[in-house]
Amino acid sequence: MGNKTSGIIGSLVMLSFGAISFYRFYTTGLIFFLLMVFRDVLAAWFLIRRNPNIGEDSNKFFALASYISSAIPLFYYKESFNNSNLVLAAGLISIIGFSISTLALIELGNSFGVSPANRGMISSGVYRFMNHPMYLGYVISEFGCVLLNPLNVIIYILSMSLYYLRAQSESKILKI
């Protein structure tokens, strides 16, 4: 599949995740889901404009795992008990995490792709300090959901496992 076609398909997938995120925000009121809308729309924009892959494509397993890991956060439960301080703390944690991942996404720009590929190495901005700041941001923001509901621990562990796989695959492809 050509880069442009896969970019359009990936963009449509991310826009559909954004629509689901908006619905989740509407039904739960959690800022986490509103921040996901922003992430998904921004990701969709960069997927349409992305640079071509330099080298081999990642295997289909990693491509599928990448899109699944982008969807897993849609399944977080809202708070299990009414504690406005905890909801506020979770919201602040989500804002901090999404700020880091959004800076990383903007820094990647047209080099962004959901599935691991070599679209050029980025070593400026937040990428000066670490190899995978976007995943760090997701780890932080999703931790806020864990505070809200003990059942979210299961989703969090699954999500973190998939981010780890993505980071390993990207590091291998980029040889970092």
Protein backbone atom coordinates (compact mmCIF):
# COMPACT_ATOMS: atom_id res chain seq x y z
CA MET A 1 0.00 0.00 0.00
CA GLY A 2 1.37 3.42 -0.91
CA ASN A 3 2.45 5.94 1.70
CA LYS A 4 -0.31 8.39 0.72
CA THR A 5 -3.04 5.73 0.84
CA SER A 6 -1.88 4.33 4.18
CA GLY A 7 -1.60 7.91 5.51
CA ILE A 8 -5.22 8.62 4.52
CA ILE A 9 -6.45 5.34 6.04
CA GLY A 10 -4.47 6.00 9.23
CA SER A 11 -5.87 9.52 9.35
CA LEU A 12 -9.44 8.21 9.07
CA VAL A 13 -8.77 5.69 11.83
CA MET A 14 -7.41 8.41 14.11
CA LEU A 15 -10.36 10.69 13.31
CA SER A 16 -12.74 7.87 14.24
CA PHE A 17 -10.83 7.47 17.53
CA GLY A 18 -11.27 11.22 18.00
CA ALA A 19 -15.03 10.93 17.49
CA ILE A 20 -15.22 8.12 20.03
CA SER A 21 -13.08 10.18 22.43
CA PHE A 22 -15.48 13.08 22.08
CA TYR A 23 -18.40 10.78 22.86
CA ARG A 24 -16.51 9.45 25.91
CA PHE A 25 -15.89 13.04 27.05
CA TYR A 26 -19.57 13.84 26.59
CA THR A 27 -20.68 10.79 28.63
CA THR A 28 -18.01 10.93 31.37
CA GLY A 29 -16.97 14.57 31.57
CA LEU A 30 -13.33 13.49 31.96
CA ILE A 31 -10.79 15.96 30.55
CA PHE A 32 -8.66 12.95 29.56
CA PHE A 33 -11.03 12.14 26.71
CA LEU A 34 -11.18 15.74 25.50
CA LEU A 35 -7.39 15.78 25.37
CA MET A 36 -7.52 12.55 23.35
CA VAL A 37 -9.75 14.31 20.80
CA PHE A 38 -7.03 16.91 20.32
CA ARG A 39 -4.34 14.21 20.06
CA ASP A 40 -6.30 12.22 17.49
CA VAL A 41 -7.14 15.21 15.27
CA LEU A 42 -3.53 16.39 15.36
CA ALA A 43 -2.28 12.87 14.60
CA ALA A 44 -4.74 12.61 11.68
CA TRP A 45 -3.37 15.86 10.26
CA PHE A 46 0.24 14.70 10.43
CA LEU A 47 -0.62 11.26 9.01
CA ILE A 48 -2.00 12.85 5.84
CA ARG A 49 1.12 15.01 5.48
CA ARG A 50 3.72 12.49 6.68
CA ASN A 51 7.09 11.88 5.12
CA PRO A 52 7.67 8.65 3.21
CA ASN A 53 9.22 5.71 5.02
CA ILE A 54 12.99 5.40 4.63
CA GLY A 55 13.69 1.68 4.46
CA GLU A 56 11.60 -1.34 5.34
CA ASP A 57 8.07 -1.16 6.71
CA SER A 58 7.46 -2.60 10.15
CA ASN A 59 5.73 -5.94 10.16
CA LYS A 60 1.94 -6.16 10.20
CA PHE A 61 1.88 -7.29 13.84
CA PHE A 62 3.56 -4.08 15.01
CA ALA A 63 1.36 -1.97 12.75
CA LEU A 64 -1.78 -3.57 14.22
CA ALA A 65 -0.40 -3.36 17.79
CA SER A 66 0.29 0.34 17.22
CA TYR A 67 -3.29 1.14 16.25
CA ILE A 68 -4.64 -1.03 19.07
CA SER A 69 -2.43 0.82 21.56
CA SER A 70 -3.86 4.10 20.26
CA ALA A 71 -7.38 2.76 20.88
CA ILE A 72 -6.88 1.13 24.30
CA PRO A 73 -7.23 4.44 26.23
CA LEU A 74 -10.77 4.75 24.87
CA PHE A 75 -11.77 1.99 27.29
CA TYR A 76 -10.82 3.68 30.55
CA TYR A 77 -13.64 3.80 33.10
CA LYS A 78 -14.80 7.00 34.74
CA GLU A 79 -14.36 7.50 38.47
CA SER A 80 -15.72 4.76 40.70
CA PHE A 81 -16.54 7.09 43.59
CA ASN A 82 -17.42 10.75 43.83
CA ASN A 83 -14.29 12.60 44.92
CA SER A 84 -13.83 15.97 43.22
CA ASN A 85 -10.22 16.31 44.47
CA LEU A 86 -9.28 13.00 42.85
CA VAL A 87 -11.00 13.99 39.59
CA LEU A 88 -9.09 17.28 39.66
CA ALA A 89 -5.77 15.50 40.33
CA ALA A 90 -6.45 13.02 37.51
CA GLY A 91 -7.26 15.91 35.18
CA LEU A 92 -4.04 17.74 36.05
CA ILE A 93 -2.00 14.57 35.56
CA SER A 94 -3.68 14.07 32.17
CA ILE A 95 -2.91 17.65 31.15
CA ILE A 96 0.77 17.24 32.10
CA GLY A 97 1.06 13.93 30.23
CA PHE A 98 -0.75 15.15 27.13
CA SER A 99 1.37 18.31 27.11
CA ILE A 100 4.50 16.17 26.85
CA SER A 101 3.06 13.88 24.17
CA THR A 102 1.64 16.83 22.19
CA LEU A 103 5.02 18.59 22.21
CA ALA A 104 6.57 15.35 20.95
CA LEU A 105 3.91 14.99 18.24
CA ILE A 106 4.40 18.56 17.06
CA GLU A 107 8.17 18.07 17.08
CA LEU A 108 7.77 14.92 14.95
CA GLY A 109 5.46 16.77 12.57
CA ASN A 110 5.50 15.12 9.17
CA SER A 111 7.76 12.35 10.48
CA PHE A 112 4.89 11.09 12.66
CA GLY A 113 3.36 7.70 11.98
CA VAL A 114 1.30 5.41 14.17
CA SER A 115 3.08 2.22 13.17
CA PRO A 116 6.87 2.05 13.54
CA ALA A 117 8.82 3.23 10.49
CA ASN A 118 11.86 5.31 9.70
CA ARG A 119 10.62 8.68 8.48
CA GLY A 120 13.70 10.50 9.63
CA MET A 121 15.34 10.90 13.02
CA ILE A 122 14.27 13.80 15.24
CA SER A 123 16.77 14.98 17.85
CA SER A 124 15.51 18.44 18.72
CA GLY A 125 12.89 19.71 21.16
CA VAL A 126 11.78 17.08 23.68
CA TYR A 127 13.58 14.43 21.62
CA ARG A 128 16.86 16.01 22.77
CA PHE A 129 16.22 14.58 26.22
CA MET A 130 14.79 11.13 25.48
CA ASN A 131 13.99 8.76 22.63
CA HIS A 132 10.26 8.24 23.20
CA PRO A 133 8.73 11.29 24.91
CA MET A 134 5.33 10.68 23.37
CA TYR A 135 5.01 7.38 25.21
CA LEU A 136 6.19 8.98 28.44
CA GLY A 137 3.40 11.52 28.06
CA TYR A 138 0.86 8.74 27.53
CA VAL A 139 2.16 6.84 30.57
CA ILE A 140 1.71 9.95 32.72
CA SER A 141 -1.69 10.96 31.36
CA GLU A 142 -3.15 7.47 31.58
CA PHE A 143 -1.96 7.15 35.17
CA GLY A 144 -4.56 9.78 36.01
CA CYS A 145 -7.24 7.31 34.88
CA VAL A 146 -5.81 4.66 37.21
CA LEU A 147 -6.38 7.01 40.15
CA LEU A 148 -10.05 7.29 39.24
CA ASN A 149 -11.00 3.64 39.11
CA PRO A 150 -9.16 0.50 40.28
CA LEU A 151 -10.42 -1.41 37.22
CA ASN A 152 -8.34 0.90 35.06
CA VAL A 153 -5.16 -0.81 36.31
CA ILE A 154 -5.82 -3.71 33.91
CA ILE A 155 -6.25 -1.36 30.94
CA TYR A 156 -3.18 0.62 32.04
CA ILE A 157 -0.97 -2.48 32.17
CA LEU A 158 -2.13 -3.56 28.71
CA SER A 159 -1.60 -0.06 27.36
CA MET A 160 1.89 0.23 28.87
CA SER A 161 2.84 -3.19 27.46
CA LEU A 162 1.85 -2.10 23.96
CA TYR A 163 3.73 1.21 24.31
CA TYR A 164 6.78 -0.77 25.35
CA LEU A 165 6.47 -2.98 22.24
CA ARG A 166 6.08 0.10 20.05
CA ALA A 167 9.11 1.80 21.59
CA GLN A 168 11.23 -1.35 21.17
CA SER A 169 10.16 -1.73 17.54
CA GLU A 170 10.82 1.95 16.79
CA SER A 171 14.24 1.80 18.45
CA LYS A 172 15.13 -1.23 16.35
CA ILE A 173 13.98 0.39 13.11
CA LEU A 174 15.72 3.69 13.90
CA LYS A 175 18.75 1.87 15.34
CA ILE A 176 18.79 3.94 18.55
